[in-house]
């Protein structure tokens, strides 16, 4: 299994979006659709942070809503702080009438996430590959309150160091991890296994050349 570091994955994304010209929104929609394929019924609880992982979560929420599922979307950030491609998909979801709960504090995060215990499946769309150091604040509270419900992680379980494969103080334990385009280097670490669950490597449309430095140099040269 080929793996990339977080830095290599970011560069592959950048090449795809900025140099090749495939819009980031297309990749995000593909990513969310790949996650939704692992959903086998509702209610669907989706817990989102403010980054692009959250954007993938909004795609899942939209698809579940359109599929007639009961959706409960929790956002651990002010909606006004959501920008870029993620904002496009949050707006599409709410414009379709999708419900949204905003948890601003540690107490709200813990209470709101714990209340998702009656869902059939939870989507972990809190943190991506950029997490470093100790997870703190409302996100930590959400992870520590995570109920014992079948969980699908977007790209990697929130709180897992993508390169080292170790928890950053706390980490979601996923039943399924849908990682985008390439497995992450840290997934090979024995410590990562209890958090990853079943690993699905989803093709979201990033051309292989974007992750191959030699092939990229030849293409651009």
C-alpha atoms as a PDB file:
ATOM      1  CA  UNK A   1       0.000   0.000   0.000  1.00  0.00           C
ATOM      2  CA  UNK A   2       1.490   3.317  -1.057  1.00  0.00           C
ATOM      3  CA  UNK A   3       1.364   6.020   1.588  1.00  0.00           C
ATOM      4  CA  UNK A   4       1.959   9.763   1.607  1.00  0.00           C
ATOM      5  CA  UNK A   5       2.960  12.139   4.372  1.00  0.00           C
ATOM      6  CA  UNK A   6       0.601  14.981   5.205  1.00  0.00           C
ATOM      7  CA  UNK A   7       2.921  17.380   3.368  1.00  0.00           C
ATOM      8  CA  UNK A   8       3.004  15.181   0.266  1.00  0.00           C
ATOM      9  CA  UNK A   9      -0.783  14.906   0.283  1.00  0.00           C
ATOM     10  CA  UNK A  10      -1.185  18.674   0.552  1.00  0.00           C
ATOM     11  CA  UNK A  11       1.159  19.118  -2.404  1.00  0.00           C
ATOM     12  CA  UNK A  12      -0.750  16.570  -4.473  1.00  0.00           C
ATOM     13  CA  UNK A  13      -3.960  18.493  -3.710  1.00  0.00           C
ATOM     14  CA  UNK A  14      -2.316  21.775  -4.631  1.00  0.00           C
ATOM     15  CA  UNK A  15      -0.990  20.455  -7.937  1.00  0.00           C
ATOM     16  CA  UNK A  16      -4.397  19.046  -8.817  1.00  0.00           C
ATOM     17  CA  UNK A  17      -6.302  22.212  -7.981  1.00  0.00           C
ATOM     18  CA  UNK A  18      -3.906  25.017  -8.834  1.00  0.00           C
ATOM     19  CA  UNK A  19      -1.787  23.558 -11.643  1.00  0.00           C
ATOM     20  CA  UNK A  20      -4.045  20.989 -13.307  1.00  0.00           C
ATOM     21  CA  UNK A  21      -7.160  23.079 -12.756  1.00  0.00           C
ATOM     22  CA  UNK A  22      -9.583  20.593 -11.209  1.00  0.00           C
ATOM     23  CA  UNK A  23     -11.722  22.648  -8.799  1.00  0.00           C
ATOM     24  CA  UNK A  24     -11.367  21.853  -5.132  1.00  0.00           C
ATOM     25  CA  UNK A  25     -15.155  21.735  -4.852  1.00  0.00           C
ATOM     26  CA  UNK A  26     -15.189  18.798  -7.271  1.00  0.00           C
ATOM     27  CA  UNK A  27     -12.708  16.885  -5.132  1.00  0.00           C
ATOM     28  CA  UNK A  28     -14.666  17.722  -1.967  1.00  0.00           C
ATOM     29  CA  UNK A  29     -17.920  16.525  -3.477  1.00  0.00           C
ATOM     30  CA  UNK A  30     -16.226  13.299  -4.599  1.00  0.00           C
ATOM     31  CA  UNK A  31     -14.790  12.814  -1.119  1.00  0.00           C
ATOM     32  CA  UNK A  32     -18.134  13.272   0.592  1.00  0.00           C
ATOM     33  CA  UNK A  33     -19.797  10.916  -1.870  1.00  0.00           C
ATOM     34  CA  UNK A  34     -17.183   8.251  -1.105  1.00  0.00           C
ATOM     35  CA  UNK A  35     -17.916   8.556   2.606  1.00  0.00           C
ATOM     36  CA  UNK A  36     -21.659   8.417   2.034  1.00  0.00           C
ATOM     37  CA  UNK A  37     -21.295   5.122   0.192  1.00  0.00           C
ATOM     38  CA  UNK A  38     -20.326   3.583   3.544  1.00  0.00           C
ATOM     39  CA  UNK A  39     -23.535   4.814   5.221  1.00  0.00           C
ATOM     40  CA  UNK A  40     -26.132   2.072   5.569  1.00  0.00           C
ATOM     41  CA  UNK A  41     -29.092   3.941   7.026  1.00  0.00           C
ATOM     42  CA  UNK A  42     -30.065   6.656   9.427  1.00  0.00           C
ATOM     43  CA  UNK A  43     -30.408   8.658  11.503  1.00  0.00           C
ATOM     44  CA  UNK A  44     -27.014   9.991  10.391  1.00  0.00           C
ATOM     45  CA  UNK A  45     -25.070  12.135  12.845  1.00  0.00           C
ATOM     46  CA  UNK A  46     -22.322  14.285  11.337  1.00  0.00           C
ATOM     47  CA  UNK A  47     -19.820  16.176  13.497  1.00  0.00           C
ATOM     48  CA  UNK A  48     -17.825  18.828  11.650  1.00  0.00           C
ATOM     49  CA  UNK A  49     -14.917  21.134  12.322  1.00  0.00           C
ATOM     50  CA  UNK A  50     -14.216  24.331  10.412  1.00  0.00           C
ATOM     51  CA  UNK A  51     -11.769  22.952   7.836  1.00  0.00           C
ATOM     52  CA  UNK A  52     -12.034  20.913   4.657  1.00  0.00           C
ATOM     53  CA  UNK A  53     -12.871  17.744   6.581  1.00  0.00           C
ATOM     54  CA  UNK A  54     -15.964  19.580   7.699  1.00  0.00           C
ATOM     55  CA  UNK A  55     -16.639  20.370   4.045  1.00  0.00           C
ATOM     56  CA  UNK A  56     -16.628  16.670   3.228  1.00  0.00           C
ATOM     57  CA  UNK A  57     -19.060  16.224   6.112  1.00  0.00           C
ATOM     58  CA  UNK A  58     -21.479  18.805   4.661  1.00  0.00           C
ATOM     59  CA  UNK A  59     -21.478  16.833   1.411  1.00  0.00           C
ATOM     60  CA  UNK A  60     -22.398  13.692   3.348  1.00  0.00           C
ATOM     61  CA  UNK A  61     -25.146  15.644   5.109  1.00  0.00           C
ATOM     62  CA  UNK A  62     -26.581  16.905   1.808  1.00  0.00           C
ATOM     63  CA  UNK A  63     -26.540  13.463   0.216  1.00  0.00           C
ATOM     64  CA  UNK A  64     -28.164  11.874   3.258  1.00  0.00           C
ATOM     65  CA  UNK A  65     -30.835  14.580   3.338  1.00  0.00           C
ATOM     66  CA  UNK A  66     -31.631  14.109  -0.342  1.00  0.00           C
ATOM     67  CA  UNK A  67     -31.747  10.352   0.234  1.00  0.00           C
ATOM     68  CA  UNK A  68     -34.515  10.804   2.779  1.00  0.00           C
ATOM     69  CA  UNK A  69     -32.388  10.069   5.839  1.00  0.00           C
ATOM     70  CA  UNK A  70     -32.816  11.889   9.137  1.00  0.00           C
ATOM     71  CA  UNK A  71     -29.727  14.076   9.448  1.00  0.00           C
ATOM     72  CA  UNK A  72     -28.263  15.706  12.545  1.00  0.00           C
ATOM     73  CA  UNK A  73     -25.353  17.979  11.714  1.00  0.00           C
ATOM     74  CA  UNK A  74     -23.216  19.406  14.527  1.00  0.00           C
ATOM     75  CA  UNK A  75     -20.728  22.182  13.768  1.00  0.00           C
ATOM     76  CA  UNK A  76     -17.979  22.995  16.277  1.00  0.00           C
ATOM     77  CA  UNK A  77     -17.349  26.455  14.858  1.00  0.00           C
ATOM     78  CA  UNK A  78     -19.229  29.615  14.037  1.00  0.00           C
ATOM     79  CA  UNK A  79     -20.905  29.191  10.626  1.00  0.00           C
ATOM     80  CA  UNK A  80     -19.530  32.603   9.612  1.00  0.00           C
ATOM     81  CA  UNK A  81     -15.964  31.251   9.908  1.00  0.00           C
ATOM     82  CA  UNK A  82     -16.535  28.541   7.289  1.00  0.00           C
ATOM     83  CA  UNK A  83     -14.901  29.639   4.038  1.00  0.00           C
ATOM     84  CA  UNK A  84     -13.903  28.395   0.602  1.00  0.00           C
ATOM     85  CA  UNK A  85     -15.242  25.141  -0.792  1.00  0.00           C
ATOM     86  CA  UNK A  86     -16.545  24.055   2.610  1.00  0.00           C
ATOM     87  CA  UNK A  87     -18.803  27.130   2.729  1.00  0.00           C
ATOM     88  CA  UNK A  88     -20.308  26.168  -0.630  1.00  0.00           C
ATOM     89  CA  UNK A  89     -21.453  22.812   0.683  1.00  0.00           C
ATOM     90  CA  UNK A  90     -22.611  24.079   4.078  1.00  0.00           C
ATOM     91  CA  UNK A  91     -24.740  26.653   2.272  1.00  0.00           C
ATOM     92  CA  UNK A  92     -26.169  24.033  -0.103  1.00  0.00           C
ATOM     93  CA  UNK A  93     -27.112  21.800   2.831  1.00  0.00           C
ATOM     94  CA  UNK A  94     -28.798  24.561   4.823  1.00  0.00           C
ATOM     95  CA  UNK A  95     -30.526  25.946   1.707  1.00  0.00           C
ATOM     96  CA  UNK A  96     -32.125  22.525   1.328  1.00  0.00           C
ATOM     97  CA  UNK A  97     -33.546  22.882   4.827  1.00  0.00           C
ATOM     98  CA  UNK A  98     -31.006  20.698   6.581  1.00  0.00           C
ATOM     99  CA  UNK A  99     -30.882  21.192  10.363  1.00  0.00           C
ATOM    100  CA  UNK A 100     -27.702  22.528  11.952  1.00  0.00           C
ATOM    101  CA  UNK A 101     -26.638  22.653  15.593  1.00  0.00           C
ATOM    102  CA  UNK A 102     -23.701  24.894  16.499  1.00  0.00           C
ATOM    103  CA  UNK A 103     -21.644  23.933  19.562  1.00  0.00           C
ATOM    104  CA  UNK A 104     -19.401  26.785  20.632  1.00  0.00           C
ATOM    105  CA  UNK A 105     -18.112  25.688  24.039  1.00  0.00           C
ATOM    106  CA  UNK A 106     -16.645  22.526  25.508  1.00  0.00           C
ATOM    107  CA  UNK A 107     -19.841  21.879  27.449  1.00  0.00           C
ATOM    108  CA  UNK A 108     -22.023  22.354  24.363  1.00  0.00           C
ATOM    109  CA  UNK A 109     -19.744  20.116  22.297  1.00  0.00           C
ATOM    110  CA  UNK A 110     -19.817  17.312  24.859  1.00  0.00           C
ATOM    111  CA  UNK A 111     -23.579  17.517  25.374  1.00  0.00           C
ATOM    112  CA  UNK A 112     -24.465  17.748  21.682  1.00  0.00           C
ATOM    113  CA  UNK A 113     -22.178  14.916  20.572  1.00  0.00           C
ATOM    114  CA  UNK A 114     -23.239  12.632  23.427  1.00  0.00           C
ATOM    115  CA  UNK A 115     -26.858  13.208  22.345  1.00  0.00           C
ATOM    116  CA  UNK A 116     -26.083  11.535  19.005  1.00  0.00           C
ATOM    117  CA  UNK A 117     -26.079   8.143  20.746  1.00  0.00           C
ATOM    118  CA  UNK A 118     -29.404   7.227  19.125  1.00  0.00           C
ATOM    119  CA  UNK A 119     -28.043   7.623  15.583  1.00  0.00           C
ATOM    120  CA  UNK A 120     -27.346   4.572  13.446  1.00  0.00           C
ATOM    121  CA  UNK A 121     -24.058   5.968  12.185  1.00  0.00           C
ATOM    122  CA  UNK A 122     -21.787   8.896  13.018  1.00  0.00           C
ATOM    123  CA  UNK A 123     -19.526  10.741  10.600  1.00  0.00           C
ATOM    124  CA  UNK A 124     -16.295  12.085  12.084  1.00  0.00           C
ATOM    125  CA  UNK A 125     -15.459  15.196  10.040  1.00  0.00           C
ATOM    126  CA  UNK A 126     -13.696  17.179  12.757  1.00  0.00           C
ATOM    127  CA  UNK A 127      -9.950  17.203  12.072  1.00  0.00           C
ATOM    128  CA  UNK A 128      -7.771  16.473   9.066  1.00  0.00           C
ATOM    129  CA  UNK A 129      -4.117  15.750   8.404  1.00  0.00           C
ATOM    130  CA  UNK A 130      -2.900  19.087   9.761  1.00  0.00           C
ATOM    131  CA  UNK A 131      -3.448  18.306  13.438  1.00  0.00           C
ATOM    132  CA  UNK A 132      -0.295  18.535  15.568  1.00  0.00           C
ATOM    133  CA  UNK A 133       0.229  18.549  19.313  1.00  0.00           C
ATOM    134  CA  UNK A 134      -2.462  18.058  21.920  1.00  0.00           C
ATOM    135  CA  UNK A 135      -6.104  18.301  20.842  1.00  0.00           C
ATOM    136  CA  UNK A 136      -7.858  20.783  23.124  1.00  0.00           C
ATOM    137  CA  UNK A 137     -11.040  22.784  23.590  1.00  0.00           C
ATOM    138  CA  UNK A 138     -14.456  21.897  22.184  1.00  0.00           C
ATOM    139  CA  UNK A 139     -12.984  19.371  19.745  1.00  0.00           C
ATOM    140  CA  UNK A 140     -11.377  17.412  22.560  1.00  0.00           C
ATOM    141  CA  UNK A 141     -14.643  17.558  24.489  1.00  0.00           C
ATOM    142  CA  UNK A 142     -16.486  16.205  21.449  1.00  0.00           C
ATOM    143  CA  UNK A 143     -14.034  13.342  20.982  1.00  0.00           C
ATOM    144  CA  UNK A 144     -14.160  12.387  24.653  1.00  0.00           C
ATOM    145  CA  UNK A 145     -17.982  12.417  24.571  1.00  0.00           C
ATOM    146  CA  UNK A 146     -18.183  10.351  21.370  1.00  0.00           C
ATOM    147  CA  UNK A 147     -20.909   7.718  21.842  1.00  0.00           C
ATOM    148  CA  UNK A 148     -20.594   4.012  21.114  1.00  0.00           C
ATOM    149  CA  UNK A 149     -22.121   4.208  17.642  1.00  0.00           C
ATOM    150  CA  UNK A 150     -20.782   2.885  14.321  1.00  0.00           C
ATOM    151  CA  UNK A 151     -18.408   5.623  13.180  1.00  0.00           C
ATOM    152  CA  UNK A 152     -17.025   6.515   9.761  1.00  0.00           C
ATOM    153  CA  UNK A 153     -13.974   8.795   9.805  1.00  0.00           C
ATOM    154  CA  UNK A 154     -13.379  11.254   6.978  1.00  0.00           C
ATOM    155  CA  UNK A 155      -9.775  10.854   5.711  1.00  0.00           C
ATOM    156  CA  UNK A 156      -8.448   9.852   9.147  1.00  0.00           C
ATOM    157  CA  UNK A 157      -9.842   9.567  12.674  1.00  0.00           C
ATOM    158  CA  UNK A 158      -9.875  12.980  14.304  1.00  0.00           C
ATOM    159  CA  UNK A 159      -6.926  13.371  16.646  1.00  0.00           C
ATOM    160  CA  UNK A 160      -4.645  10.921  14.831  1.00  0.00           C
ATOM    161  CA  UNK A 161      -1.259  12.258  13.716  1.00  0.00           C
ATOM    162  CA  UNK A 162      -1.223  11.521   9.974  1.00  0.00           C
ATOM    163  CA  UNK A 163       2.543  10.990   9.875  1.00  0.00           C
ATOM    164  CA  UNK A 164       3.251   9.283  13.208  1.00  0.00           C
ATOM    165  CA  UNK A 165       0.022   7.297  13.519  1.00  0.00           C
ATOM    166  CA  UNK A 166      -0.337   8.153  17.199  1.00  0.00           C
ATOM    167  CA  UNK A 167      -3.153  10.004  18.994  1.00  0.00           C
ATOM    168  CA  UNK A 168      -2.710  13.687  19.741  1.00  0.00           C
ATOM    169  CA  UNK A 169      -3.898  13.278  23.302  1.00  0.00           C
ATOM    170  CA  UNK A 170      -7.252  11.824  22.274  1.00  0.00           C
ATOM    171  CA  UNK A 171      -8.628  10.295  19.088  1.00  0.00           C
ATOM    172  CA  UNK A 172     -11.910   9.077  17.627  1.00  0.00           C
ATOM    173  CA  UNK A 173     -12.088   5.294  17.299  1.00  0.00           C
ATOM    174  CA  UNK A 174     -13.558   4.645  13.860  1.00  0.00           C
ATOM    175  CA  UNK A 175     -15.164   1.485  12.536  1.00  0.00           C
ATOM    176  CA  UNK A 176     -14.378   2.606   8.987  1.00  0.00           C
ATOM    177  CA  UNK A 177     -11.875   5.195   7.767  1.00  0.00           C
ATOM    178  CA  UNK A 178     -12.443   6.534   4.261  1.00  0.00           C
ATOM    179  CA  UNK A 179      -9.134   8.127   3.324  1.00  0.00           C
ATOM    180  CA  UNK A 180      -8.829  10.283   0.233  1.00  0.00           C
ATOM    181  CA  UNK A 181      -6.789   9.148  -2.770  1.00  0.00           C
ATOM    182  CA  UNK A 182      -3.807   7.795  -0.792  1.00  0.00           C
ATOM    183  CA  UNK A 183      -3.333   6.169   2.597  1.00  0.00           C
ATOM    184  CA  UNK A 184      -1.416   8.318   5.047  1.00  0.00           C
ATOM    185  CA  UNK A 185       2.039   7.354   6.294  1.00  0.00           C
ATOM    186  CA  UNK A 186       0.936   7.049   9.911  1.00  0.00           C
ATOM    187  CA  UNK A 187      -1.599   4.346   9.054  1.00  0.00           C
ATOM    188  CA  UNK A 188       1.266   1.842   8.917  1.00  0.00           C
ATOM    189  CA  UNK A 189       2.097   2.372  12.591  1.00  0.00           C
ATOM    190  CA  UNK A 190       0.794  -0.405  14.863  1.00  0.00           C
ATOM    191  CA  UNK A 191      -0.590   2.251  17.218  1.00  0.00           C
ATOM    192  CA  UNK A 192      -2.967   3.479  14.487  1.00  0.00           C
ATOM    193  CA  UNK A 193      -4.840   0.203  13.991  1.00  0.00           C
ATOM    194  CA  UNK A 194      -7.257   0.490  16.950  1.00  0.00           C
ATOM    195  CA  UNK A 195      -8.430   3.876  15.682  1.00  0.00           C
ATOM    196  CA  UNK A 196      -8.663   3.251  11.930  1.00  0.00           C
ATOM    197  CA  UNK A 197     -11.031   0.287  11.748  1.00  0.00           C
ATOM    198  CA  UNK A 198     -11.557  -0.918   8.174  1.00  0.00           C
ATOM    199  CA  UNK A 199      -9.596   1.243   5.752  1.00  0.00           C
ATOM    200  CA  UNK A 200     -11.132   2.382   2.458  1.00  0.00           C
ATOM    201  CA  UNK A 201      -8.869   4.283   0.047  1.00  0.00           C
ATOM    202  CA  UNK A 202     -11.224   6.365  -2.095  1.00  0.00           C
ATOM    203  CA  UNK A 203     -10.361   7.680  -5.551  1.00  0.00           C
ATOM    204  CA  UNK A 204     -11.628  11.286  -5.519  1.00  0.00           C
ATOM    205  CA  UNK A 205     -10.214  12.267  -8.897  1.00  0.00           C
ATOM    206  CA  UNK A 206      -6.676  13.448  -8.162  1.00  0.00           C
ATOM    207  CA  UNK A 207      -4.526  12.288 -11.106  1.00  0.00           C
ATOM    208  CA  UNK A 208      -1.740   9.899 -10.119  1.00  0.00           C
ATOM    209  CA  UNK A 209       0.876  12.256 -11.585  1.00  0.00           C
ATOM    210  CA  UNK A 210       0.110  14.796  -8.839  1.00  0.00           C
ATOM    211  CA  UNK A 211       1.572  12.489  -6.178  1.00  0.00           C
ATOM    212  CA  UNK A 212       4.581  11.316  -8.197  1.00  0.00           C
ATOM    213  CA  UNK A 213       7.407  13.849  -8.052  1.00  0.00           C
ATOM    214  CA  UNK A 214       9.360  12.359 -10.962  1.00  0.00           C
ATOM    215  CA  UNK A 215       6.320  12.085 -13.218  1.00  0.00           C
ATOM    216  CA  UNK A 216       5.262  15.583 -12.191  1.00  0.00           C
ATOM    217  CA  UNK A 217       8.685  17.019 -13.033  1.00  0.00           C
ATOM    218  CA  UNK A 218       8.544  15.316 -16.439  1.00  0.00           C
ATOM    219  CA  UNK A 219       5.041  16.659 -17.080  1.00  0.00           C
ATOM    220  CA  UNK A 220       5.935  20.188 -16.069  1.00  0.00           C
ATOM    221  CA  UNK A 221       9.369  20.135 -17.716  1.00  0.00           C
END
